[in-house]
């Protein structure tokens, strides 16, 4: 697993990649998008921006919470 300091997160980041690379990211994704993401095949190709749009949340809030995990 890569060092978390080598990982960057943006709205274009793929949800599945973020969950795999950042410890605790699954909790953030569940907080904003619910637990349906974990069984959705789109997790491998959908970005945080797309997920935020689909779930009616602000993508920058999701990104900020994920970036906080990297500190």
N, C-alpha and C. Protein backbone atom coordinates (compact mmCIF):
# COMPACT_ATOMS: atom_id res chain seq x y z
N UNK A 1 0.85 -1.18 0.00
CA UNK A 1 0.00 0.00 0.00
C UNK A 1 0.89 1.24 0.00
N UNK A 2 0.56 2.24 -0.83
CA UNK A 2 1.38 3.44 -0.88
C UNK A 2 1.26 4.27 0.39
N UNK A 3 2.29 5.05 0.62
CA UNK A 3 2.23 5.99 1.74
C UNK A 3 1.10 6.97 1.48
N UNK A 4 0.36 7.33 2.50
CA UNK A 4 -0.74 8.26 2.29
C UNK A 4 -0.24 9.63 1.87
N UNK A 5 1.01 9.97 2.15
CA UNK A 5 1.54 11.26 1.75
C UNK A 5 1.74 11.32 0.24
N UNK A 6 1.77 10.18 -0.46
CA UNK A 6 1.96 10.13 -1.91
C UNK A 6 0.62 10.16 -2.65
N UNK A 7 -0.46 10.25 -1.94
CA UNK A 7 -1.79 10.18 -2.53
C UNK A 7 -2.40 11.57 -2.55
N UNK A 8 -3.02 11.90 -3.67
CA UNK A 8 -3.77 13.15 -3.72
C UNK A 8 -5.23 12.81 -4.01
N UNK A 9 -6.11 13.66 -3.55
CA UNK A 9 -7.54 13.44 -3.73
C UNK A 9 -8.13 14.69 -4.38
N UNK A 10 -8.94 14.47 -5.40
CA UNK A 10 -9.66 15.57 -6.04
C UNK A 10 -11.06 15.06 -6.38
N UNK A 11 -11.85 15.93 -6.90
CA UNK A 11 -13.18 15.54 -7.32
C UNK A 11 -13.16 14.52 -8.44
N UNK A 12 -12.06 14.48 -9.18
CA UNK A 12 -11.93 13.54 -10.29
C UNK A 12 -11.42 12.17 -9.84
N UNK A 13 -11.04 12.03 -8.59
CA UNK A 13 -10.57 10.74 -8.07
C UNK A 13 -11.67 9.70 -8.16
N UNK A 14 -11.30 8.48 -8.53
CA UNK A 14 -12.25 7.38 -8.63
C UNK A 14 -12.55 6.86 -7.22
N UNK A 15 -13.81 6.71 -6.91
CA UNK A 15 -14.24 6.33 -5.57
C UNK A 15 -13.56 5.05 -5.09
N UNK A 16 -13.55 4.02 -5.92
CA UNK A 16 -12.95 2.74 -5.54
C UNK A 16 -11.47 2.86 -5.24
N UNK A 17 -10.76 3.67 -6.03
CA UNK A 17 -9.32 3.87 -5.79
C UNK A 17 -9.08 4.55 -4.44
N UNK A 18 -9.89 5.53 -4.14
CA UNK A 18 -9.75 6.26 -2.88
C UNK A 18 -9.98 5.32 -1.70
N UNK A 19 -11.00 4.49 -1.80
CA UNK A 19 -11.30 3.55 -0.72
C UNK A 19 -10.14 2.59 -0.51
N UNK A 20 -9.54 2.13 -1.59
CA UNK A 20 -8.41 1.19 -1.49
C UNK A 20 -7.15 1.84 -0.95
N UNK A 21 -6.93 3.10 -1.27
CA UNK A 21 -5.65 3.74 -0.97
C UNK A 21 -5.60 4.51 0.34
N UNK A 22 -6.74 4.90 0.87
CA UNK A 22 -6.74 5.75 2.06
C UNK A 22 -7.47 5.06 3.21
N UNK A 23 -6.74 4.71 4.26
CA UNK A 23 -7.41 4.13 5.42
C UNK A 23 -8.47 5.09 5.98
N UNK A 24 -9.65 4.59 6.21
CA UNK A 24 -10.74 5.40 6.74
C UNK A 24 -11.62 6.03 5.67
N UNK A 25 -11.21 5.94 4.40
CA UNK A 25 -11.99 6.57 3.33
C UNK A 25 -13.37 5.94 3.17
N UNK A 26 -13.48 4.66 3.43
CA UNK A 26 -14.78 4.00 3.30
C UNK A 26 -15.81 4.65 4.22
N UNK A 27 -15.38 5.07 5.40
CA UNK A 27 -16.30 5.73 6.34
C UNK A 27 -16.77 7.07 5.79
N UNK A 28 -15.86 7.80 5.15
CA UNK A 28 -16.22 9.10 4.57
C UNK A 28 -17.19 8.90 3.41
N UNK A 29 -16.90 7.94 2.55
CA UNK A 29 -17.77 7.67 1.41
C UNK A 29 -19.16 7.25 1.91
N UNK A 30 -19.21 6.41 2.91
CA UNK A 30 -20.50 5.99 3.46
C UNK A 30 -21.25 7.17 4.08
N UNK A 31 -20.54 8.07 4.74
CA UNK A 31 -21.15 9.25 5.36
C UNK A 31 -21.91 10.09 4.32
N UNK A 32 -21.30 10.29 3.16
CA UNK A 32 -21.90 11.15 2.15
C UNK A 32 -22.78 10.41 1.14
N UNK A 33 -22.40 9.19 0.79
CA UNK A 33 -23.06 8.48 -0.30
C UNK A 33 -23.87 7.27 0.15
N UNK A 34 -23.78 6.91 1.42
CA UNK A 34 -24.48 5.72 1.90
C UNK A 34 -23.66 4.47 1.63
N UNK A 35 -24.17 3.32 2.04
CA UNK A 35 -23.39 2.09 1.88
C UNK A 35 -23.64 1.39 0.55
N UNK A 36 -24.52 1.93 -0.28
CA UNK A 36 -24.77 1.33 -1.59
C UNK A 36 -23.57 1.36 -2.52
N UNK A 37 -22.66 2.29 -2.29
CA UNK A 37 -21.45 2.39 -3.14
C UNK A 37 -20.63 1.11 -3.10
N UNK A 38 -20.66 0.44 -1.99
CA UNK A 38 -19.77 -0.71 -1.81
C UNK A 38 -20.20 -1.92 -2.62
N UNK A 39 -21.43 -1.94 -3.09
CA UNK A 39 -21.89 -3.05 -3.92
C UNK A 39 -22.18 -2.60 -5.36
N UNK A 40 -22.00 -1.34 -5.64
CA UNK A 40 -22.26 -0.80 -6.98
C UNK A 40 -21.05 -1.02 -7.88
N UNK A 41 -21.23 -1.58 -9.07
CA UNK A 41 -20.10 -1.77 -9.98
C UNK A 41 -19.48 -0.46 -10.45
N UNK A 42 -20.22 0.63 -10.36
CA UNK A 42 -19.70 1.93 -10.77
C UNK A 42 -18.56 2.45 -9.90
N UNK A 43 -18.37 1.85 -8.74
CA UNK A 43 -17.32 2.28 -7.82
C UNK A 43 -15.93 2.27 -8.49
N UNK A 44 -15.76 1.46 -9.51
CA UNK A 44 -14.48 1.34 -10.21
C UNK A 44 -14.29 2.38 -11.31
N UNK A 45 -15.36 3.12 -11.66
CA UNK A 45 -15.22 4.08 -12.75
C UNK A 45 -15.83 5.45 -12.45
N UNK A 46 -16.54 5.58 -11.35
CA UNK A 46 -17.19 6.85 -11.04
C UNK A 46 -16.33 7.71 -10.12
N UNK A 47 -16.30 8.98 -10.43
CA UNK A 47 -15.50 9.93 -9.65
C UNK A 47 -16.28 10.42 -8.43
N UNK A 48 -15.56 11.06 -7.55
CA UNK A 48 -16.19 11.70 -6.38
C UNK A 48 -17.18 12.75 -6.86
N UNK A 49 -16.82 13.53 -7.89
CA UNK A 49 -17.74 14.53 -8.42
C UNK A 49 -19.05 13.89 -8.89
N UNK A 50 -18.96 12.78 -9.61
CA UNK A 50 -20.15 12.11 -10.10
C UNK A 50 -21.00 11.60 -8.94
N UNK A 51 -20.35 10.94 -7.98
CA UNK A 51 -21.07 10.44 -6.82
C UNK A 51 -21.77 11.55 -6.05
N UNK A 52 -21.08 12.67 -5.91
CA UNK A 52 -21.66 13.81 -5.19
C UNK A 52 -22.90 14.34 -5.92
N UNK A 53 -22.79 14.42 -7.24
CA UNK A 53 -23.94 14.88 -8.03
C UNK A 53 -25.11 13.92 -7.88
N UNK A 54 -24.84 12.64 -7.96
CA UNK A 54 -25.90 11.63 -7.87
C UNK A 54 -26.57 11.61 -6.49
N UNK A 55 -25.80 11.98 -5.46
CA UNK A 55 -26.34 11.92 -4.10
C UNK A 55 -26.70 13.29 -3.54
N UNK A 56 -26.56 14.33 -4.36
CA UNK A 56 -26.98 15.67 -3.94
C UNK A 56 -26.14 16.26 -2.83
N UNK A 57 -24.84 15.96 -2.84
CA UNK A 57 -23.95 16.54 -1.83
C UNK A 57 -22.86 17.36 -2.52
N UNK A 58 -22.17 18.16 -1.75
CA UNK A 58 -21.10 18.99 -2.27
C UNK A 58 -19.81 18.16 -2.36
N UNK A 59 -19.28 18.02 -3.56
CA UNK A 59 -18.07 17.22 -3.76
C UNK A 59 -16.89 17.76 -2.97
N UNK A 60 -16.81 19.07 -2.82
CA UNK A 60 -15.68 19.65 -2.08
C UNK A 60 -15.71 19.26 -0.60
N UNK A 61 -16.89 19.05 -0.05
CA UNK A 61 -16.98 18.58 1.34
C UNK A 61 -16.42 17.16 1.46
N UNK A 62 -16.76 16.33 0.49
CA UNK A 62 -16.26 14.95 0.49
C UNK A 62 -14.75 14.96 0.35
N UNK A 63 -14.24 15.73 -0.61
CA UNK A 63 -12.79 15.81 -0.85
C UNK A 63 -12.08 16.33 0.40
N UNK A 64 -12.63 17.35 1.04
CA UNK A 64 -12.00 17.91 2.24
C UNK A 64 -11.91 16.86 3.35
N UNK A 65 -12.97 16.10 3.55
CA UNK A 65 -12.93 15.06 4.58
C UNK A 65 -11.92 13.96 4.23
N UNK A 66 -11.83 13.62 2.96
CA UNK A 66 -10.84 12.61 2.55
C UNK A 66 -9.42 13.13 2.70
N UNK A 67 -9.20 14.38 2.34
CA UNK A 67 -7.85 14.97 2.50
C UNK A 67 -7.44 15.04 3.96
N UNK A 68 -8.41 15.25 4.83
CA UNK A 68 -8.10 15.30 6.27
C UNK A 68 -7.53 13.97 6.75
N UNK A 69 -7.93 12.87 6.11
CA UNK A 69 -7.39 11.56 6.49
C UNK A 69 -5.92 11.41 6.12
N UNK A 70 -5.44 12.23 5.20
CA UNK A 70 -4.06 12.14 4.75
C UNK A 70 -3.10 12.88 5.67
N UNK A 71 -3.62 13.66 6.59
CA UNK A 71 -2.75 14.46 7.48
C UNK A 71 -2.29 13.67 8.66
